[in-house]
PDB file of N, CA and C in Angstrom:
ATOM      1  N   MET A   1      88.707  99.622  73.022  1.00  0.00           N
ATOM      2  CA  MET A   1      88.193 100.721  72.411  1.00  0.00           C
ATOM      3  C   MET A   1      89.360 101.144  71.474  1.00  0.00           C
ATOM      4  N   SER A   2      88.714 102.005  70.452  1.00  0.00           N
ATOM      5  CA  SER A   2      89.758 101.641  69.519  1.00  0.00           C
ATOM      6  C   SER A   2      90.184 103.250  70.211  1.00  0.00           C
ATOM      7  N   LYS A   3      91.727 103.948  70.049  1.00  0.00           N
ATOM      8  CA  LYS A   3      92.208 104.794  70.301  1.00  0.00           C
ATOM      9  C   LYS A   3      92.203 106.324  69.389  1.00  0.00           C
ATOM     10  N   PHE A   4      90.920 105.927  68.057  1.00  0.00           N
ATOM     11  CA  PHE A   4      90.474 107.038  67.230  1.00  0.00           C
ATOM     12  C   PHE A   4      88.896 107.225  67.575  1.00  0.00           C
ATOM     13  N   ALA A   5      88.388 106.416  68.833  1.00  0.00           N
ATOM     14  CA  ALA A   5      87.236 106.622  68.955  1.00  0.00           C
ATOM     15  C   ALA A   5      86.791 107.955  69.077  1.00  0.00           C
ATOM     16  N   GLY A   6      85.305 108.397  68.648  1.00  0.00           N
ATOM     17  CA  GLY A   6      85.150 110.380  68.667  1.00  0.00           C
ATOM     18  C   GLY A   6      85.434 110.851  67.917  1.00  0.00           C
ATOM     19  N   MET A   7      86.756 110.703  67.104  1.00  0.00           N
ATOM     20  CA  MET A   7      87.416 111.861  66.322  1.00  0.00           C
ATOM     21  C   MET A   7      86.800 111.558  65.041  1.00  0.00           C
ATOM     22  N   THR A   8      86.967 112.785  64.063  1.00  0.00           N
ATOM     23  CA  THR A   8      87.165 113.387  62.831  1.00  0.00           C
ATOM     24  C   THR A   8      87.635 112.609  61.917  1.00  0.00           C
ATOM     25  N   MET A   9      87.672 112.482  60.599  1.00  0.00           N
ATOM     26  CA  MET A   9      89.014 111.750  59.932  1.00  0.00           C
ATOM     27  C   MET A   9      90.311 112.625  59.950  1.00  0.00           C
ATOM     28  N   ASN A  10      89.845 114.510  59.966  1.00  0.00           N
ATOM     29  CA  ASN A  10      91.154 115.017  60.274  1.00  0.00           C
ATOM     30  C   ASN A  10      92.519 114.845  61.715  1.00  0.00           C
ATOM     31  N   GLU A  11      90.978 114.405  62.200  1.00  0.00           N
ATOM     32  CA  GLU A  11      91.967 114.714  63.657  1.00  0.00           C
ATOM     33  C   GLU A  11      92.623 113.158  63.741  1.00  0.00           C
ATOM     34  N   ARG A  12      92.077 112.138  62.839  1.00  0.00           N
ATOM     35  CA  ARG A  12      92.709 110.407  63.430  1.00  0.00           C
ATOM     36  C   ARG A  12      93.791 110.572  62.332  1.00  0.00           C
ATOM     37  N   LEU A  13      94.186 111.968  61.321  1.00  0.00           N
ATOM     38  CA  LEU A  13      95.257 112.282  60.270  1.00  0.00           C
ATOM     39  C   LEU A  13      96.291 112.235  61.070  1.00  0.00           C
ATOM     40  N   TYR A  14      95.739 113.696  61.745  1.00  0.00           N
ATOM     41  CA  TYR A  14      96.706 114.463  62.574  1.00  0.00           C
ATOM     42  C   TYR A  14      97.435 113.157  63.492  1.00  0.00           C
ATOM     43  N   ILE A  15      96.636 112.967  64.614  1.00  0.00           N
ATOM     44  CA  ILE A  15      96.724 111.926  65.736  1.00  0.00           C
ATOM     45  C   ILE A  15      97.865 110.996  65.017  1.00  0.00           C
ATOM     46  N   ALA A  16      97.701 110.415  64.005  1.00  0.00           N
ATOM     47  CA  ALA A  16      98.578 109.138  63.725  1.00  0.00           C
ATOM     48  C   ALA A  16      99.427 109.645  63.140  1.00  0.00           C
ATOM     49  N   GLY A  17      99.894 110.974  62.367  1.00  0.00           N
ATOM     50  CA  GLY A  17     101.104 111.536  62.004  1.00  0.00           C
ATOM     51  C   GLY A  17     101.497 111.619  60.491  1.00  0.00           C
ATOM     52  N   ILE A  18      99.901 111.492  59.843  1.00  0.00           N
ATOM     53  CA  ILE A  18      99.616 110.927  58.863  1.00  0.00           C
ATOM     54  C   ILE A  18      99.339 111.891  57.454  1.00  0.00           C
ATOM     55  N   ALA A  19      99.289 113.087  58.402  1.00  0.00           N
ATOM     56  CA  ALA A  19      98.124 114.007  57.328  1.00  0.00           C
ATOM     57  C   ALA A  19      98.732 114.494  55.959  1.00  0.00           C
ATOM     58  N   ASP A  20      99.880 114.824  56.320  1.00  0.00           N
ATOM     59  CA  ASP A  20     101.019 115.487  55.385  1.00  0.00           C
ATOM     60  C   ASP A  20     101.141 114.299  53.883  1.00  0.00           C
ATOM     61  N   LYS A  21     101.260 113.230  54.212  1.00  0.00           N
ATOM     62  CA  LYS A  21     101.262 111.960  53.616  1.00  0.00           C
ATOM     63  C   LYS A  21      99.418 111.705  53.200  1.00  0.00           C
ATOM     64  N   PHE A  22      98.676 111.959  53.443  1.00  0.00           N
ATOM     65  CA  PHE A  22      97.344 111.758  53.042  1.00  0.00           C
ATOM     66  C   PHE A  22      96.918 112.951  51.984  1.00  0.00           C
ATOM     67  N   ASP A  23      97.233 114.430  52.057  1.00  0.00           N
ATOM     68  CA  ASP A  23      97.464 115.258  51.330  1.00  0.00           C
ATOM     69  C   ASP A  23      97.825 114.962  49.914  1.00  0.00           C
ATOM     70  N   ALA A  24      99.761 115.055  49.879  1.00  0.00           N
ATOM     71  CA  ALA A  24     100.280 114.353  49.841  1.00  0.00           C
ATOM     72  C   ALA A  24      99.761 113.788  48.218  1.00  0.00           C
ATOM     73  N   ALA A  25      99.315 112.370  48.643  1.00  0.00           N
ATOM     74  CA  ALA A  25      98.677 111.349  47.746  1.00  0.00           C
ATOM     75  C   ALA A  25      97.364 111.793  47.001  1.00  0.00           C
ATOM     76  N   VAL A  26      96.768 112.623  47.696  1.00  0.00           N
ATOM     77  CA  VAL A  26      95.184 113.133  47.542  1.00  0.00           C
ATOM     78  C   VAL A  26      95.795 113.710  45.958  1.00  0.00           C
ATOM     79  N   ARG A  27      96.621 114.954  46.055  1.00  0.00           N
ATOM     80  CA  ARG A  27      97.150 115.247  45.323  1.00  0.00           C
ATOM     81  C   ARG A  27      98.276 114.774  44.145  1.00  0.00           C
ATOM     82  N   ARG A  28      98.522 113.627  44.723  1.00  0.00           N
ATOM     83  CA  ARG A  28      99.137 112.679  43.193  1.00  0.00           C
ATOM     84  C   ARG A  28      97.484 111.955  42.654  1.00  0.00           C
ATOM     85  N   LYS A  29      96.317 112.056  43.166  1.00  0.00           N
ATOM     86  CA  LYS A  29      95.500 111.345  42.834  1.00  0.00           C
ATOM     87  C   LYS A  29      96.229 110.044  43.140  1.00  0.00           C
ATOM     88  N   ASP A  30      96.336 109.433  43.850  1.00  0.00           N
ATOM     89  CA  ASP A  30      97.119 107.761  44.471  1.00  0.00           C
ATOM     90  C   ASP A  30      96.334 107.669  45.311  1.00  0.00           C
ATOM     91  N   LYS A  31      95.321 106.863  45.071  1.00  0.00           N
ATOM     92  CA  LYS A  31      93.883 106.093  45.737  1.00  0.00           C
ATOM     93  C   LYS A  31      93.839 104.815  46.344  1.00  0.00           C
ATOM     94  N   THR A  32      95.677 104.096  45.742  1.00  0.00           N
ATOM     95  CA  THR A  32      96.039 103.247  46.813  1.00  0.00           C
ATOM     96  C   THR A  32      96.738 103.350  48.202  1.00  0.00           C
ATOM     97  N   VAL A  33      97.337 104.283  48.077  1.00  0.00           N
ATOM     98  CA  VAL A  33      97.888 105.404  49.104  1.00  0.00           C
ATOM     99  C   VAL A  33      97.012 105.882  49.922  1.00  0.00           C
ATOM    100  N   LEU A  34      95.810 106.129  49.755  1.00  0.00           N
ATOM    101  CA  LEU A  34      95.003 107.232  50.413  1.00  0.00           C
ATOM    102  C   LEU A  34      93.776 105.340  50.911  1.00  0.00           C
ATOM    103  N   MET A  35      93.418 105.042  50.639  1.00  0.00           N
ATOM    104  CA  MET A  35      93.040 103.351  51.516  1.00  0.00           C
ATOM    105  C   MET A  35      94.064 102.790  52.536  1.00  0.00           C
ATOM    106  N   GLU A  36      95.299 103.126  51.839  1.00  0.00           N
ATOM    107  CA  GLU A  36      96.017 102.457  52.763  1.00  0.00           C
ATOM    108  C   GLU A  36      96.007 103.028  54.136  1.00  0.00           C
ATOM    109  N   LEU A  37      96.038 104.365  54.015  1.00  0.00           N
ATOM    110  CA  LEU A  37      96.633 105.690  54.862  1.00  0.00           C
ATOM    111  C   LEU A  37      95.406 105.591  55.551  1.00  0.00           C
ATOM    112  N   LEU A  38      94.564 104.997  54.668  1.00  0.00           N
ATOM    113  CA  LEU A  38      92.848 105.280  55.980  1.00  0.00           C
ATOM    114  C   LEU A  38      92.632 104.399  56.326  1.00  0.00           C
ATOM    115  N   ALA A  39      93.146 103.089  55.723  1.00  0.00           N
ATOM    116  CA  ALA A  39      92.717 101.816  56.776  1.00  0.00           C
ATOM    117  C   ALA A  39      93.814 101.297  58.122  1.00  0.00           C
ATOM    118  N   GLN A  40      94.992 102.374  57.812  1.00  0.00           N
ATOM    119  CA  GLN A  40      95.535 102.557  59.204  1.00  0.00           C
ATOM    120  C   GLN A  40      94.715 103.605  60.647  1.00  0.00           C
ATOM    121  N   ILE A  41      93.783 104.752  59.992  1.00  0.00           N
ATOM    122  CA  ILE A  41      92.999 104.796  61.340  1.00  0.00           C
ATOM    123  C   ILE A  41      91.691 104.518  61.082  1.00  0.00           C
ATOM    124  N   GLU A  42      91.790 103.570  60.901  1.00  0.00           N
ATOM    125  CA  GLU A  42      90.379 102.684  60.577  1.00  0.00           C
ATOM    126  C   GLU A  42      89.337 103.261  60.404  1.00  0.00           C
ATOM    127  N   ILE A  43      89.389 103.657  59.114  1.00  0.00           N
ATOM    128  CA  ILE A  43      88.394 103.983  58.451  1.00  0.00           C
ATOM    129  C   ILE A  43      87.360 102.776  57.604  1.00  0.00           C
ATOM    130  N   PRO A  44      86.464 102.381  57.877  1.00  0.00           N
ATOM    131  CA  PRO A  44      86.585 101.536  57.080  1.00  0.00           C
ATOM    132  C   PRO A  44      86.577 101.632  55.268  1.00  0.00           C
ATOM    133  N   ALA A  45      86.836 100.100  54.921  1.00  0.00           N
ATOM    134  CA  ALA A  45      87.245 100.044  53.463  1.00  0.00           C
ATOM    135  C   ALA A  45      86.179 101.468  52.352  1.00  0.00           C
ATOM    136  N   GLY A  46      84.937 100.570  52.466  1.00  0.00           N
ATOM    137  CA  GLY A  46      83.562 101.286  51.756  1.00  0.00           C
ATOM    138  C   GLY A  46      83.581 102.688  52.128  1.00  0.00           C
ATOM    139  N   GLN A  47      83.650 103.003  53.586  1.00  0.00           N
ATOM    140  CA  GLN A  47      83.810 104.956  53.825  1.00  0.00           C
ATOM    141  C   GLN A  47      85.024 105.362  53.402  1.00  0.00           C
ATOM    142  N   SER A  48      85.943 104.333  52.701  1.00  0.00           N
ATOM    143  CA  SER A  48      87.378 104.981  52.463  1.00  0.00           C
ATOM    144  C   SER A  48      87.210 106.073  51.140  1.00  0.00           C
ATOM    145  N   GLN A  49      86.440 104.669  50.126  1.00  0.00           N
ATOM    146  CA  GLN A  49      86.590 104.358  48.708  1.00  0.00           C
ATOM    147  C   GLN A  49      85.734 105.822  48.389  1.00  0.00           C
ATOM    148  N   GLU A  50      84.292 106.093  49.691  1.00  0.00           N
ATOM    149  CA  GLU A  50      83.481 106.724  49.204  1.00  0.00           C
ATOM    150  C   GLU A  50      83.822 108.500  49.489  1.00  0.00           C
ATOM    151  N   THR A  51      84.776 108.602  50.704  1.00  0.00           N
ATOM    152  CA  THR A  51      85.778 109.353  50.867  1.00  0.00           C
ATOM    153  C   THR A  51      86.538 109.626  49.890  1.00  0.00           C
ATOM    154  N   ILE A  52      87.317 108.972  48.663  1.00  0.00           N
ATOM    155  CA  ILE A  52      88.056 109.132  48.408  1.00  0.00           C
ATOM    156  C   ILE A  52      87.321 110.114  47.271  1.00  0.00           C
ATOM    157  N   ASP A  53      86.134 109.200  47.238  1.00  0.00           N
ATOM    158  CA  ASP A  53      85.405 109.751  45.139  1.00  0.00           C
ATOM    159  C   ASP A  53      85.244 111.510  45.630  1.00  0.00           C
ATOM    160  N   LEU A  54      84.409 111.840  47.294  1.00  0.00           N
ATOM    161  CA  LEU A  54      83.690 112.680  47.478  1.00  0.00           C
ATOM    162  C   LEU A  54      84.998 113.724  47.699  1.00  0.00           C
ATOM    163  N   ILE A  55      86.592 113.886  47.659  1.00  0.00           N
ATOM    164  CA  ILE A  55      87.889 114.741  47.454  1.00  0.00           C
ATOM    165  C   ILE A  55      87.682 115.005  46.079  1.00  0.00           C
ATOM    166  N   PHE A  56      87.948 113.998  45.526  1.00  0.00           N
ATOM    167  CA  PHE A  56      88.253 113.793  44.398  1.00  0.00           C
ATOM    168  C   PHE A  56      87.008 114.395  43.186  1.00  0.00           C
ATOM    169  N   ALA A  57      85.992 114.218  43.510  1.00  0.00           N
ATOM    170  CA  ALA A  57      84.866 114.804  42.583  1.00  0.00           C
ATOM    171  C   ALA A  57      85.135 116.946  42.958  1.00  0.00           C
ATOM    172  N   ASN A  58      85.306 117.127  44.078  1.00  0.00           N
ATOM    173  CA  ASN A  58      85.054 118.523  44.496  1.00  0.00           C
ATOM    174  C   ASN A  58      86.619 119.060  44.933  1.00  0.00           C
ATOM    175  N   PRO A  59      87.792 118.578  44.858  1.00  0.00           N
ATOM    176  CA  PRO A  59      88.581 118.898  45.604  1.00  0.00           C
ATOM    177  C   PRO A  59      89.223 120.171  46.661  1.00  0.00           C
ATOM    178  N   ALA A  60      88.574 121.477  45.417  1.00  0.00           N
ATOM    179  CA  ALA A  60      88.234 122.658  46.511  1.00  0.00           C
ATOM    180  C   ALA A  60      87.525 122.580  47.630  1.00  0.00           C
ATOM    181  N   LYS A  61      86.189 122.275  47.132  1.00  0.00           N
ATOM    182  CA  LYS A  61      85.532 122.108  48.945  1.00  0.00           C
ATOM    183  C   LYS A  61      86.421 121.603  50.133  1.00  0.00           C
ATOM    184  N   TYR A  62      87.163 120.829  49.941  1.00  0.00           N
ATOM    185  CA  TYR A  62      88.336 119.917  50.781  1.00  0.00           C
ATOM    186  C   TYR A  62      89.673 120.272  51.230  1.00  0.00           C
ATOM    187  N   GLY A  63      89.752 121.661  50.407  1.00  0.00           N
ATOM    188  CA  GLY A  63      90.799 122.899  50.547  1.00  0.00           C
ATOM    189  C   GLY A  63      91.704 121.788  49.054  1.00  0.00           C
ATOM    190  N   TYR A  64      91.484 121.073  48.580  1.00  0.00           N
ATOM    191  CA  TYR A  64      92.406 120.920  47.448  1.00  0.00           C
ATOM    192  C   TYR A  64      92.353 122.068  46.433  1.00  0.00           C
ATOM    193  N   GLU A  65      93.080 122.209  45.190  1.00  0.00           N
ATOM    194  CA  GLU A  65      93.182 123.319  44.522  1.00  0.00           C
ATOM    195  C   GLU A  65      93.287 122.145  43.006  1.00  0.00           C
ATOM    196  N   ASP A  66      92.299 122.354  42.007  1.00  0.00           N
ATOM    197  CA  ASP A  66      93.339 121.331  41.526  1.00  0.00           C
ATOM    198  C   ASP A  66      94.198 121.871  40.627  1.00  0.00           C
TER     199      ASP A  66
END
């Protein structure tokens, strides 16, 4: 069983110690780094791309200011 089982994406990012890296990559709009970070926390590629697209479409909704 995965150590991330039953956790939200934010919980996974925090537990993995990469939440700050994720936030910085969002602010830079660095899709490559975001995909790599999400892979580290066992988010499937398709779901990762969808998540990134949602965040970039409405950053304020996810706590990121434009």
